[in-house]
N, C-alpha and C. Protein backbone atom coordinates (compact mmCIF):
# COMPACT_ATOMS: atom_id res chain seq x y z
N UNK A 1 -5.25 -11.91 6.10
CA UNK A 1 -4.63 -10.63 5.86
C UNK A 1 -3.75 -10.31 7.06
N UNK A 2 -2.55 -9.80 6.79
CA UNK A 2 -1.71 -9.47 7.93
C UNK A 2 -1.35 -7.98 7.92
N UNK A 3 -1.09 -7.47 9.11
CA UNK A 3 -0.84 -6.04 9.29
C UNK A 3 0.40 -5.60 8.50
N UNK A 4 1.38 -6.46 8.34
CA UNK A 4 2.60 -6.09 7.61
C UNK A 4 2.26 -5.67 6.18
N UNK A 5 1.36 -6.38 5.54
CA UNK A 5 0.98 -6.03 4.16
C UNK A 5 0.18 -4.72 4.12
N UNK A 6 -0.66 -4.50 5.12
CA UNK A 6 -1.38 -3.23 5.17
C UNK A 6 -0.40 -2.10 5.44
N UNK A 7 0.57 -2.34 6.27
CA UNK A 7 1.61 -1.33 6.54
C UNK A 7 2.39 -1.03 5.26
N UNK A 8 2.71 -2.07 4.49
CA UNK A 8 3.38 -1.87 3.20
C UNK A 8 2.51 -1.01 2.29
N UNK A 9 1.23 -1.34 2.20
CA UNK A 9 0.29 -0.54 1.41
C UNK A 9 0.29 0.91 1.88
N UNK A 10 0.21 1.10 3.18
CA UNK A 10 0.19 2.43 3.79
C UNK A 10 1.44 3.22 3.37
N UNK A 11 2.58 2.58 3.41
CA UNK A 11 3.83 3.25 3.05
C UNK A 11 3.95 3.51 1.55
N UNK A 12 3.54 2.55 0.74
CA UNK A 12 3.65 2.69 -0.71
C UNK A 12 2.67 3.74 -1.25
N UNK A 13 1.55 3.91 -0.58
CA UNK A 13 0.49 4.78 -1.10
C UNK A 13 0.93 6.23 -1.32
N UNK A 14 1.94 6.67 -0.63
CA UNK A 14 2.40 8.04 -0.80
C UNK A 14 3.34 8.27 -1.97
N UNK A 15 3.71 7.21 -2.65
CA UNK A 15 4.65 7.32 -3.76
C UNK A 15 3.95 7.20 -5.11
N UNK A 16 4.60 7.68 -6.13
CA UNK A 16 4.03 7.62 -7.48
C UNK A 16 4.38 6.32 -8.20
N UNK A 17 5.27 5.51 -7.61
CA UNK A 17 5.68 4.26 -8.26
C UNK A 17 6.21 3.28 -7.23
N UNK A 18 6.14 2.01 -7.59
CA UNK A 18 6.70 0.98 -6.72
C UNK A 18 8.22 1.11 -6.65
N UNK A 19 8.85 1.48 -7.74
CA UNK A 19 10.31 1.59 -7.73
C UNK A 19 10.76 2.72 -6.81
N UNK A 20 10.06 3.83 -6.80
CA UNK A 20 10.39 4.93 -5.89
C UNK A 20 10.15 4.51 -4.44
N UNK A 21 9.03 3.86 -4.20
CA UNK A 21 8.74 3.36 -2.84
C UNK A 21 9.83 2.39 -2.39
N UNK A 22 10.22 1.49 -3.27
CA UNK A 22 11.25 0.50 -2.92
C UNK A 22 12.57 1.19 -2.58
N UNK A 23 12.93 2.20 -3.34
CA UNK A 23 14.18 2.92 -3.08
C UNK A 23 14.14 3.60 -1.71
N UNK A 24 13.07 4.31 -1.43
CA UNK A 24 12.96 5.05 -0.17
C UNK A 24 12.80 4.12 1.02
N UNK A 25 12.04 3.05 0.86
CA UNK A 25 11.79 2.12 1.95
C UNK A 25 12.88 1.07 2.11
N UNK A 26 13.85 1.09 1.19
CA UNK A 26 14.98 0.16 1.20
C UNK A 26 14.52 -1.30 1.16
N UNK A 27 13.59 -1.56 0.25
CA UNK A 27 13.10 -2.92 -0.01
C UNK A 27 13.13 -3.14 -1.50
N UNK A 28 13.06 -4.39 -1.91
CA UNK A 28 13.04 -4.64 -3.35
C UNK A 28 11.66 -4.33 -3.91
N UNK A 29 11.65 -3.91 -5.16
CA UNK A 29 10.40 -3.60 -5.84
C UNK A 29 9.53 -4.85 -5.92
N UNK A 30 10.15 -5.98 -6.18
CA UNK A 30 9.38 -7.22 -6.31
C UNK A 30 8.72 -7.60 -4.98
N UNK A 31 9.39 -7.35 -3.87
CA UNK A 31 8.81 -7.64 -2.56
C UNK A 31 7.58 -6.77 -2.32
N UNK A 32 7.70 -5.48 -2.60
CA UNK A 32 6.56 -4.57 -2.42
C UNK A 32 5.40 -4.96 -3.34
N UNK A 33 5.71 -5.22 -4.59
CA UNK A 33 4.67 -5.59 -5.55
C UNK A 33 3.96 -6.87 -5.14
N UNK A 34 4.73 -7.85 -4.70
CA UNK A 34 4.16 -9.13 -4.28
C UNK A 34 3.26 -8.94 -3.06
N UNK A 35 3.71 -8.15 -2.10
CA UNK A 35 2.89 -7.90 -0.91
C UNK A 35 1.58 -7.21 -1.26
N UNK A 36 1.64 -6.24 -2.16
CA UNK A 36 0.43 -5.51 -2.56
C UNK A 36 -0.51 -6.43 -3.34
N UNK A 37 0.04 -7.22 -4.26
CA UNK A 37 -0.80 -8.16 -5.02
C UNK A 37 -1.47 -9.17 -4.11
N UNK A 38 -0.75 -9.67 -3.11
CA UNK A 38 -1.33 -10.62 -2.15
C UNK A 38 -2.44 -9.95 -1.35
N UNK A 39 -2.20 -8.73 -0.90
CA UNK A 39 -3.22 -7.99 -0.16
C UNK A 39 -4.46 -7.77 -1.01
N UNK A 40 -4.25 -7.37 -2.27
CA UNK A 40 -5.38 -7.17 -3.18
C UNK A 40 -6.17 -8.47 -3.36
N UNK A 41 -5.47 -9.57 -3.48
CA UNK A 41 -6.14 -10.87 -3.63
C UNK A 41 -6.93 -11.21 -2.37
N UNK A 42 -6.33 -10.99 -1.20
CA UNK A 42 -7.01 -11.26 0.06
C UNK A 42 -8.27 -10.40 0.22
N UNK A 43 -8.19 -9.15 -0.19
CA UNK A 43 -9.31 -8.22 -0.05
C UNK A 43 -10.37 -8.41 -1.14
N UNK A 44 -9.93 -8.88 -2.30
CA UNK A 44 -10.86 -9.08 -3.41
C UNK A 44 -11.07 -7.85 -4.27
N UNK A 45 -10.19 -6.88 -4.16
CA UNK A 45 -10.28 -5.68 -5.01
C UNK A 45 -8.90 -5.03 -5.16
N UNK A 46 -8.77 -4.25 -6.23
CA UNK A 46 -7.52 -3.55 -6.53
C UNK A 46 -7.38 -2.33 -5.63
N UNK A 47 -6.17 -2.09 -5.18
CA UNK A 47 -5.86 -0.92 -4.37
C UNK A 47 -5.24 0.19 -5.21
N UNK A 48 -4.51 -0.20 -6.26
CA UNK A 48 -3.82 0.76 -7.11
C UNK A 48 -4.20 0.56 -8.57
N UNK A 49 -4.25 1.65 -9.29
CA UNK A 49 -4.30 1.61 -10.75
C UNK A 49 -2.85 1.71 -11.19
N UNK A 50 -2.42 0.79 -12.03
CA UNK A 50 -1.04 0.76 -12.48
C UNK A 50 -1.01 1.10 -13.97
N UNK A 51 -0.12 2.01 -14.35
CA UNK A 51 0.07 2.32 -15.77
C UNK A 51 1.51 2.79 -15.98
N UNK A 52 1.82 3.18 -17.18
CA UNK A 52 3.20 3.58 -17.49
C UNK A 52 3.62 4.85 -16.77
N UNK A 53 2.65 5.63 -16.29
CA UNK A 53 2.97 6.85 -15.54
C UNK A 53 3.20 6.58 -14.06
N UNK A 54 2.92 5.37 -13.59
CA UNK A 54 3.11 5.05 -12.18
C UNK A 54 1.87 4.42 -11.59
N UNK A 55 1.63 4.71 -10.31
CA UNK A 55 0.50 4.14 -9.61
C UNK A 55 -0.38 5.24 -9.05
N UNK A 56 -1.65 4.90 -8.87
CA UNK A 56 -2.63 5.82 -8.31
C UNK A 56 -3.62 4.98 -7.51
N UNK A 57 -4.05 5.47 -6.37
CA UNK A 57 -5.02 4.74 -5.56
C UNK A 57 -6.37 4.65 -6.24
N UNK A 58 -7.01 3.49 -6.09
CA UNK A 58 -8.40 3.34 -6.51
C UNK A 58 -9.27 3.96 -5.41
N UNK A 59 -10.56 4.05 -5.64
CA UNK A 59 -11.44 4.59 -4.58
C UNK A 59 -11.43 3.68 -3.35
N UNK A 60 -11.41 2.37 -3.57
CA UNK A 60 -11.34 1.45 -2.43
C UNK A 60 -9.97 1.52 -1.75
N UNK A 61 -8.94 1.76 -2.54
CA UNK A 61 -7.61 1.97 -1.97
C UNK A 61 -7.57 3.21 -1.09
N UNK A 62 -8.23 4.27 -1.52
CA UNK A 62 -8.32 5.49 -0.72
C UNK A 62 -9.05 5.22 0.59
N UNK A 63 -10.14 4.45 0.51
CA UNK A 63 -10.88 4.10 1.72
C UNK A 63 -10.01 3.31 2.70
N UNK A 64 -9.27 2.32 2.18
CA UNK A 64 -8.39 1.53 3.04
C UNK A 64 -7.29 2.40 3.63
N UNK A 65 -6.76 3.32 2.85
CA UNK A 65 -5.71 4.21 3.36
C UNK A 65 -6.24 5.03 4.53
N UNK A 66 -7.44 5.55 4.42
CA UNK A 66 -8.02 6.33 5.51
C UNK A 66 -8.19 5.48 6.77
N UNK A 67 -8.62 4.24 6.61
CA UNK A 67 -8.76 3.33 7.75
C UNK A 67 -7.39 3.03 8.36
N UNK A 68 -6.41 2.78 7.51
CA UNK A 68 -5.05 2.47 7.98
C UNK A 68 -4.44 3.66 8.72
N UNK A 69 -4.67 4.87 8.22
CA UNK A 69 -4.16 6.08 8.89
C UNK A 69 -4.79 6.23 10.27
N UNK A 70 -6.11 6.04 10.34
CA UNK A 70 -6.81 6.16 11.61
C UNK A 70 -6.31 5.11 12.61
N UNK A 71 -6.15 3.88 12.15
CA UNK A 71 -5.66 2.81 13.00
C UNK A 71 -4.25 3.12 13.50
N UNK A 72 -3.38 3.57 12.59
CA UNK A 72 -2.01 3.89 12.94
C UNK A 72 -1.96 4.99 14.00
N UNK A 73 -2.79 6.01 13.86
CA UNK A 73 -2.84 7.10 14.84
C UNK A 73 -3.30 6.60 16.21
N UNK A 74 -4.31 5.73 16.21
CA UNK A 74 -4.81 5.21 17.46
C UNK A 74 -3.78 4.33 18.17
N UNK A 75 -3.05 3.53 17.39
CA UNK A 75 -2.03 2.67 17.97
C UNK A 75 -0.90 3.52 18.56
N UNK A 76 -0.52 4.57 17.86
CA UNK A 76 0.57 5.43 18.34
C UNK A 76 0.18 6.23 19.59
N UNK A 77 -1.11 6.49 19.74
CA UNK A 77 -1.56 7.30 20.87
C UNK A 77 -1.95 6.49 22.11
N UNK A 78 -1.76 5.18 22.06
CA UNK A 78 -2.12 4.37 23.23
C UNK A 78 -0.90 3.98 24.01
């Protein structure tokens, strides 16, 4: 697992869709989707529920987001 993929997850988690995240983050939707799918495979669980209305964090995704936020804050404060 690499930090870049967790950072991608961290950034995408605030959006309702991969396409919106891709537009705002100035990356391709396929790149974001591939990174998230790889991270999910590495972790062994889904981070997002995907449907026609967009994306929503799973409970494990919410847990990872909280860990990522805490880590990001600690890194920025050192």
